[in-house]
Amino acid sequence: MARYALSITRPSLGPVYLAASYEQTGSGIRLTDIPEDACSYVTYEQACAVAKALSHTFVGIPQIVEVGF
């Protein structure tokens, strides 16, 4: 079954994936170059909803990519 993750492309680093961060100082979003560390979503629609909700956080809307893990 396909799963979907969010990624952004940074000019100097190439694509990076969005991952959840749960730390003592608070929760947030981290960037990782390892697809298996990224948050993933079961449906494309859920990935779209999260990408849209995060669109104000990044320059542009994060891309939705299919991941195979």
PDB file of N, CA and C in Angstrom:
ATOM      1  N   MET A   1       0.840  -1.179   0.000  1.00  0.00           N
ATOM      2  CA  MET A   1       0.000   0.000   0.000  1.00  0.00           C
ATOM      3  C   MET A   1       0.889   1.247   0.000  1.00  0.00           C
ATOM      4  N   ALA A   2       0.562   2.160  -0.810  1.00  0.00           N
ATOM      5  CA  ALA A   2       1.336   3.405  -0.918  1.00  0.00           C
ATOM      6  C   ALA A   2       1.128   4.270   0.321  1.00  0.00           C
ATOM      7  N   ARG A   3       2.183   4.958   0.690  1.00  0.00           N
ATOM      8  CA  ARG A   3       2.120   5.977   1.737  1.00  0.00           C
ATOM      9  C   ARG A   3       2.710   7.239   1.149  1.00  0.00           C
ATOM     10  N   TYR A   4       2.396   8.370   1.755  1.00  0.00           N
ATOM     11  CA  TYR A   4       2.808   9.658   1.214  1.00  0.00           C
ATOM     12  C   TYR A   4       3.519  10.473   2.280  1.00  0.00           C
ATOM     13  N   ALA A   5       4.570  11.152   1.873  1.00  0.00           N
ATOM     14  CA  ALA A   5       5.328  12.025   2.763  1.00  0.00           C
ATOM     15  C   ALA A   5       5.399  13.405   2.128  1.00  0.00           C
ATOM     16  N   LEU A   6       5.813  14.379   2.908  1.00  0.00           N
ATOM     17  CA  LEU A   6       5.964  15.744   2.416  1.00  0.00           C
ATOM     18  C   LEU A   6       7.435  16.076   2.299  1.00  0.00           C
ATOM     19  N   SER A   7       7.789  16.779   1.242  1.00  0.00           N
ATOM     20  CA  SER A   7       9.180  17.195   1.080  1.00  0.00           C
ATOM     21  C   SER A   7       9.232  18.625   0.570  1.00  0.00           C
ATOM     22  N   ILE A   8      10.358  19.234   0.799  1.00  0.00           N
ATOM     23  CA  ILE A   8      10.645  20.547   0.226  1.00  0.00           C
ATOM     24  C   ILE A   8      12.032  20.450  -0.414  1.00  0.00           C
ATOM     25  N   THR A   9      12.288  21.305  -1.376  1.00  0.00           N
ATOM     26  CA  THR A   9      13.589  21.313  -2.023  1.00  0.00           C
ATOM     27  C   THR A   9      14.309  22.587  -1.628  1.00  0.00           C
ATOM     28  N   ARG A  10      15.470  22.405  -1.037  1.00  0.00           N
ATOM     29  CA  ARG A  10      16.303  23.546  -0.688  1.00  0.00           C
ATOM     30  C   ARG A  10      17.432  23.595  -1.711  1.00  0.00           C
ATOM     31  N   PRO A  11      17.649  24.754  -2.325  1.00  0.00           N
ATOM     32  CA  PRO A  11      18.611  24.853  -3.431  1.00  0.00           C
ATOM     33  C   PRO A  11      19.982  24.246  -3.153  1.00  0.00           C
ATOM     34  N   SER A  12      20.505  24.448  -1.972  1.00  0.00           N
ATOM     35  CA  SER A  12      21.855  23.952  -1.695  1.00  0.00           C
ATOM     36  C   SER A  12      21.882  22.494  -1.237  1.00  0.00           C
ATOM     37  N   LEU A  13      20.744  21.956  -0.804  1.00  0.00           N
ATOM     38  CA  LEU A  13      20.719  20.614  -0.231  1.00  0.00           C
ATOM     39  C   LEU A  13      19.910  19.600  -1.027  1.00  0.00           C
ATOM     40  N   GLY A  14      19.109  20.048  -1.945  1.00  0.00           N
ATOM     41  CA  GLY A  14      18.214  19.131  -2.647  1.00  0.00           C
ATOM     42  C   GLY A  14      16.992  18.836  -1.795  1.00  0.00           C
ATOM     43  N   PRO A  15      16.289  17.735  -2.079  1.00  0.00           N
ATOM     44  CA  PRO A  15      15.044  17.455  -1.349  1.00  0.00           C
ATOM     45  C   PRO A  15      15.304  17.002   0.084  1.00  0.00           C
ATOM     46  N   VAL A  16      14.479  17.489   0.984  1.00  0.00           N
ATOM     47  CA  VAL A  16      14.469  17.032   2.374  1.00  0.00           C
ATOM     48  C   VAL A  16      13.019  16.753   2.749  1.00  0.00           C
ATOM     49  N   TYR A  17      12.832  15.880   3.719  1.00  0.00           N
ATOM     50  CA  TYR A  17      11.503  15.432   4.121  1.00  0.00           C
ATOM     51  C   TYR A  17      11.120  16.026   5.463  1.00  0.00           C
ATOM     52  N   LEU A  18       9.828  16.189   5.687  1.00  0.00           N
ATOM     53  CA  LEU A  18       9.333  16.741   6.938  1.00  0.00           C
ATOM     54  C   LEU A  18       9.076  15.612   7.927  1.00  0.00           C
ATOM     55  N   ALA A  19       9.569  15.794   9.149  1.00  0.00           N
ATOM     56  CA  ALA A  19       9.402  14.811  10.211  1.00  0.00           C
ATOM     57  C   ALA A  19       8.920  15.502  11.473  1.00  0.00           C
ATOM     58  N   ALA A  20       8.202  14.767  12.293  1.00  0.00           N
ATOM     59  CA  ALA A  20       7.732  15.314  13.567  1.00  0.00           C
ATOM     60  C   ALA A  20       8.869  15.306  14.573  1.00  0.00           C
ATOM     61  N   SER A  21       8.858  16.291  15.431  1.00  0.00           N
ATOM     62  CA  SER A  21       9.861  16.401  16.490  1.00  0.00           C
ATOM     63  C   SER A  21       9.134  16.535  17.820  1.00  0.00           C
ATOM     64  N   TYR A  22       9.428  15.633  18.723  1.00  0.00           N
ATOM     65  CA  TYR A  22       8.832  15.678  20.059  1.00  0.00           C
ATOM     66  C   TYR A  22       9.965  15.829  21.063  1.00  0.00           C
ATOM     67  N   GLU A  23      10.138  17.042  21.557  1.00  0.00           N
ATOM     68  CA  GLU A  23      11.224  17.324  22.488  1.00  0.00           C
ATOM     69  C   GLU A  23      10.663  17.926  23.764  1.00  0.00           C
ATOM     70  N   GLN A  24      11.481  17.965  24.804  1.00  0.00           N
ATOM     71  CA  GLN A  24      11.050  18.518  26.085  1.00  0.00           C
ATOM     72  C   GLN A  24      10.667  19.989  25.969  1.00  0.00           C
ATOM     73  N   THR A  25      11.293  20.696  25.027  1.00  0.00           N
ATOM     74  CA  THR A  25      11.000  22.120  24.874  1.00  0.00           C
ATOM     75  C   THR A  25       9.764  22.373  24.025  1.00  0.00           C
ATOM     76  N   GLY A  26       9.203  21.327  23.445  1.00  0.00           N
ATOM     77  CA  GLY A  26       7.999  21.472  22.636  1.00  0.00           C
ATOM     78  C   GLY A  26       8.076  20.670  21.351  1.00  0.00           C
ATOM     79  N   SER A  27       6.937  20.430  20.775  1.00  0.00           N
ATOM     80  CA  SER A  27       6.857  19.678  19.529  1.00  0.00           C
ATOM     81  C   SER A  27       7.040  20.608  18.346  1.00  0.00           C
ATOM     82  N   GLY A  28       7.426  20.034  17.217  1.00  0.00           N
ATOM     83  CA  GLY A  28       7.613  20.861  16.034  1.00  0.00           C
ATOM     84  C   GLY A  28       7.891  20.020  14.801  1.00  0.00           C
ATOM     85  N   ILE A  29       8.480  20.660  13.808  1.00  0.00           N
ATOM     86  CA  ILE A  29       8.788  20.023  12.538  1.00  0.00           C
ATOM     87  C   ILE A  29      10.297  20.032  12.357  1.00  0.00           C
ATOM     88  N   ARG A  30      10.835  18.899  11.951  1.00  0.00           N
ATOM     89  CA  ARG A  30      12.255  18.794  11.634  1.00  0.00           C
ATOM     90  C   ARG A  30      12.390  18.440  10.169  1.00  0.00           C
ATOM     91  N   LEU A  31      13.546  18.688   9.618  1.00  0.00           N
ATOM     92  CA  LEU A  31      13.849  18.306   8.241  1.00  0.00           C
ATOM     93  C   LEU A  31      14.855  17.170   8.267  1.00  0.00           C
ATOM     94  N   THR A  32      14.662  16.185   7.401  1.00  0.00           N
ATOM     95  CA  THR A  32      15.562  15.049   7.325  1.00  0.00           C
ATOM     96  C   THR A  32      15.777  14.663   5.871  1.00  0.00           C
ATOM     97  N   ASP A  33      16.949  14.163   5.563  1.00  0.00           N
ATOM     98  CA  ASP A  33      17.188  13.679   4.203  1.00  0.00           C
ATOM     99  C   ASP A  33      16.937  12.184   4.094  1.00  0.00           C
ATOM    100  N   ILE A  34      16.454  11.564   5.173  1.00  0.00           N
ATOM    101  CA  ILE A  34      16.159  10.133   5.200  1.00  0.00           C
ATOM    102  C   ILE A  34      14.647   9.928   5.091  1.00  0.00           C
ATOM    103  N   PRO A  35      14.168   9.404   3.960  1.00  0.00           N
ATOM    104  CA  PRO A  35      12.720   9.252   3.770  1.00  0.00           C
ATOM    105  C   PRO A  35      12.039   8.425   4.865  1.00  0.00           C
ATOM    106  N   GLU A  36      12.720   7.422   5.389  1.00  0.00           N
ATOM    107  CA  GLU A  36      12.132   6.569   6.425  1.00  0.00           C
ATOM    108  C   GLU A  36      11.883   7.317   7.734  1.00  0.00           C
ATOM    109  N   ASP A  37      12.564   8.431   7.942  1.00  0.00           N
ATOM    110  CA  ASP A  37      12.364   9.232   9.155  1.00  0.00           C
ATOM    111  C   ASP A  37      11.216  10.230   9.020  1.00  0.00           C
ATOM    112  N   ALA A  38      10.709  10.400   7.822  1.00  0.00           N
ATOM    113  CA  ALA A  38       9.647  11.379   7.574  1.00  0.00           C
ATOM    114  C   ALA A  38       8.306  10.886   8.110  1.00  0.00           C
ATOM    115  N   CYS A  39       7.438  11.825   8.441  1.00  0.00           N
ATOM    116  CA  CYS A  39       6.048  11.470   8.734  1.00  0.00           C
ATOM    117  C   CYS A  39       5.426  10.986   7.441  1.00  0.00           C
ATOM    118  N   SER A  40       4.564   9.996   7.532  1.00  0.00           N
ATOM    119  CA  SER A  40       3.896   9.540   6.310  1.00  0.00           C
ATOM    120  C   SER A  40       2.405   9.430   6.565  1.00  0.00           C
ATOM    121  N   TYR A  41       1.665   9.491   5.485  1.00  0.00           N
ATOM    122  CA  TYR A  41       0.209   9.516   5.547  1.00  0.00           C
ATOM    123  C   TYR A  41      -0.344   8.407   4.672  1.00  0.00           C
ATOM    124  N   VAL A  42      -1.424   7.780   5.130  1.00  0.00           N
ATOM    125  CA  VAL A  42      -2.014   6.656   4.410  1.00  0.00           C
ATOM    126  C   VAL A  42      -2.736   7.116   3.152  1.00  0.00           C
ATOM    127  N   THR A  43      -3.360   8.282   3.192  1.00  0.00           N
ATOM    128  CA  THR A  43      -4.106   8.750   2.024  1.00  0.00           C
ATOM    129  C   THR A  43      -3.474  10.011   1.447  1.00  0.00           C
ATOM    130  N   TYR A  44      -3.628  10.142   0.158  1.00  0.00           N
ATOM    131  CA  TYR A  44      -3.143  11.327  -0.543  1.00  0.00           C
ATOM    132  C   TYR A  44      -3.870  12.567  -0.030  1.00  0.00           C
ATOM    133  N   GLU A  45      -5.148  12.421   0.248  1.00  0.00           N
ATOM    134  CA  GLU A  45      -5.960  13.542   0.729  1.00  0.00           C
ATOM    135  C   GLU A  45      -5.457  14.070   2.076  1.00  0.00           C
ATOM    136  N   GLN A  46      -5.050  13.158   2.962  1.00  0.00           N
ATOM    137  CA  GLN A  46      -4.524  13.591   4.261  1.00  0.00           C
ATOM    138  C   GLN A  46      -3.201  14.317   4.073  1.00  0.00           C
ATOM    139  N   ALA A  47      -2.357  13.806   3.183  1.00  0.00           N
ATOM    140  CA  ALA A  47      -1.086  14.482   2.897  1.00  0.00           C
ATOM    141  C   ALA A  47      -1.346  15.877   2.337  1.00  0.00           C
ATOM    142  N   CYS A  48      -2.356  16.021   1.477  1.00  0.00           N
ATOM    143  CA  CYS A  48      -2.717  17.331   0.912  1.00  0.00           C
ATOM    144  C   CYS A  48      -3.155  18.293   2.013  1.00  0.00           C
ATOM    145  N   ALA A  49      -3.956  17.797   2.936  1.00  0.00           N
ATOM    146  CA  ALA A  49      -4.455  18.647   4.016  1.00  0.00           C
ATOM    147  C   ALA A  49      -3.304  19.152   4.888  1.00  0.00           C
ATOM    148  N   VAL A  50      -2.366  18.283   5.196  1.00  0.00           N
ATOM    149  CA  VAL A  50      -1.222  18.687   6.012  1.00  0.00           C
ATOM    150  C   VAL A  50      -0.328  19.656   5.238  1.00  0.00           C
ATOM    151  N   ALA A  51      -0.099  19.380   3.954  1.00  0.00           N
ATOM    152  CA  ALA A  51       0.718  20.288   3.132  1.00  0.00           C
ATOM    153  C   ALA A  51       0.097  21.673   3.080  1.00  0.00           C
ATOM    154  N   LYS A  52      -1.207  21.730   2.919  1.00  0.00           N
ATOM    155  CA  LYS A  52      -1.895  23.020   2.870  1.00  0.00           C
ATOM    156  C   LYS A  52      -1.785  23.742   4.220  1.00  0.00           C
ATOM    157  N   ALA A  53      -1.937  22.998   5.308  1.00  0.00           N
ATOM    158  CA  ALA A  53      -1.849  23.603   6.642  1.00  0.00           C
ATOM    159  C   ALA A  53      -0.445  24.153   6.914  1.00  0.00           C
ATOM    160  N   LEU A  54       0.572  23.539   6.319  1.00  0.00           N
ATOM    161  CA  LEU A  54       1.952  23.983   6.539  1.00  0.00           C
ATOM    162  C   LEU A  54       2.449  24.976   5.502  1.00  0.00           C
ATOM    163  N   SER A  55       1.606  25.342   4.560  1.00  0.00           N
ATOM    164  CA  SER A  55       2.044  26.209   3.462  1.00  0.00           C
ATOM    165  C   SER A  55       2.550  27.564   3.949  1.00  0.00           C
ATOM    166  N   HIS A  56       2.046  28.045   5.081  1.00  0.00           N
ATOM    167  CA  HIS A  56       2.514  29.329   5.618  1.00  0.00           C
ATOM    168  C   HIS A  56       3.867  29.211   6.317  1.00  0.00           C
ATOM    169  N   THR A  57       4.295  27.983   6.611  1.00  0.00           N
ATOM    170  CA  THR A  57       5.552  27.747   7.317  1.00  0.00           C
ATOM    171  C   THR A  57       6.750  27.792   6.379  1.00  0.00           C
ATOM    172  N   PHE A  58       6.545  27.396   5.134  1.00  0.00           N
ATOM    173  CA  PHE A  58       7.622  27.315   4.157  1.00  0.00           C
ATOM    174  C   PHE A  58       7.328  28.239   2.982  1.00  0.00           C
ATOM    175  N   VAL A  59       8.328  28.490   2.178  1.00  0.00           N
ATOM    176  CA  VAL A  59       8.119  29.257   0.953  1.00  0.00           C
ATOM    177  C   VAL A  59       7.473  28.297  -0.044  1.00  0.00           C
ATOM    178  N   GLY A  60       6.185  28.403  -0.207  1.00  0.00           N
ATOM    179  CA  GLY A  60       5.455  27.495  -1.081  1.00  0.00           C
ATOM    180  C   GLY A  60       4.901  26.307  -0.317  1.00  0.00           C
ATOM    181  N   ILE A  61       4.128  25.506  -1.003  1.00  0.00           N
ATOM    182  CA  ILE A  61       3.488  24.343  -0.409  1.00  0.00           C
ATOM    183  C   ILE A  61       4.446  23.158  -0.533  1.00  0.00           C
ATOM    184  N   PRO A  62       4.630  22.375   0.536  1.00  0.00           N
ATOM    185  CA  PRO A  62       5.474  21.188   0.447  1.00  0.00           C
ATOM    186  C   PRO A  62       4.964  20.221  -0.632  1.00  0.00           C
ATOM    187  N   GLN A  63       5.872  19.521  -1.257  1.00  0.00           N
ATOM    188  CA  GLN A  63       5.505  18.541  -2.282  1.00  0.00           C
ATOM    189  C   GLN A  63       5.104  17.240  -1.613  1.00  0.00           C
ATOM    190  N   ILE A  64       4.178  16.533  -2.252  1.00  0.00           N
ATOM    191  CA  ILE A  64       3.746  15.237  -1.764  1.00  0.00           C
ATOM    192  C   ILE A  64       4.453  14.186  -2.600  1.00  0.00           C
ATOM    193  N   VAL A  65       5.148  13.271  -1.912  1.00  0.00           N
ATOM    194  CA  VAL A  65       5.883  12.220  -2.603  1.00  0.00           C
ATOM    195  C   VAL A  65       5.451  10.862  -2.071  1.00  0.00           C
ATOM    196  N   GLU A  66       5.403   9.886  -2.957  1.00  0.00           N
ATOM    197  CA  GLU A  66       5.074   8.526  -2.547  1.00  0.00           C
ATOM    198  C   GLU A  66       6.336   7.879  -1.974  1.00  0.00           C
ATOM    199  N   VAL A  67       6.179   7.242  -0.833  1.00  0.00           N
ATOM    200  CA  VAL A  67       7.308   6.560  -0.199  1.00  0.00           C
ATOM    201  C   VAL A  67       6.984   5.078  -0.063  1.00  0.00           C
ATOM    202  N   GLY A  68       7.984   4.259  -0.119  1.00  0.00           N
ATOM    203  CA  GLY A  68       7.758   2.820  -0.111  1.00  0.00           C
ATOM    204  C   GLY A  68       8.280   2.138   1.129  1.00  0.00           C
ATOM    205  N   PHE A  69       7.879   2.589   2.283  1.00  0.00           N
ATOM    206  CA  PHE A  69       8.311   1.898   3.512  1.00  0.00           C
ATOM    207  C   PHE A  69       7.132   1.544   4.355  1.00  0.00           C
TER     208      PHE A  69
END
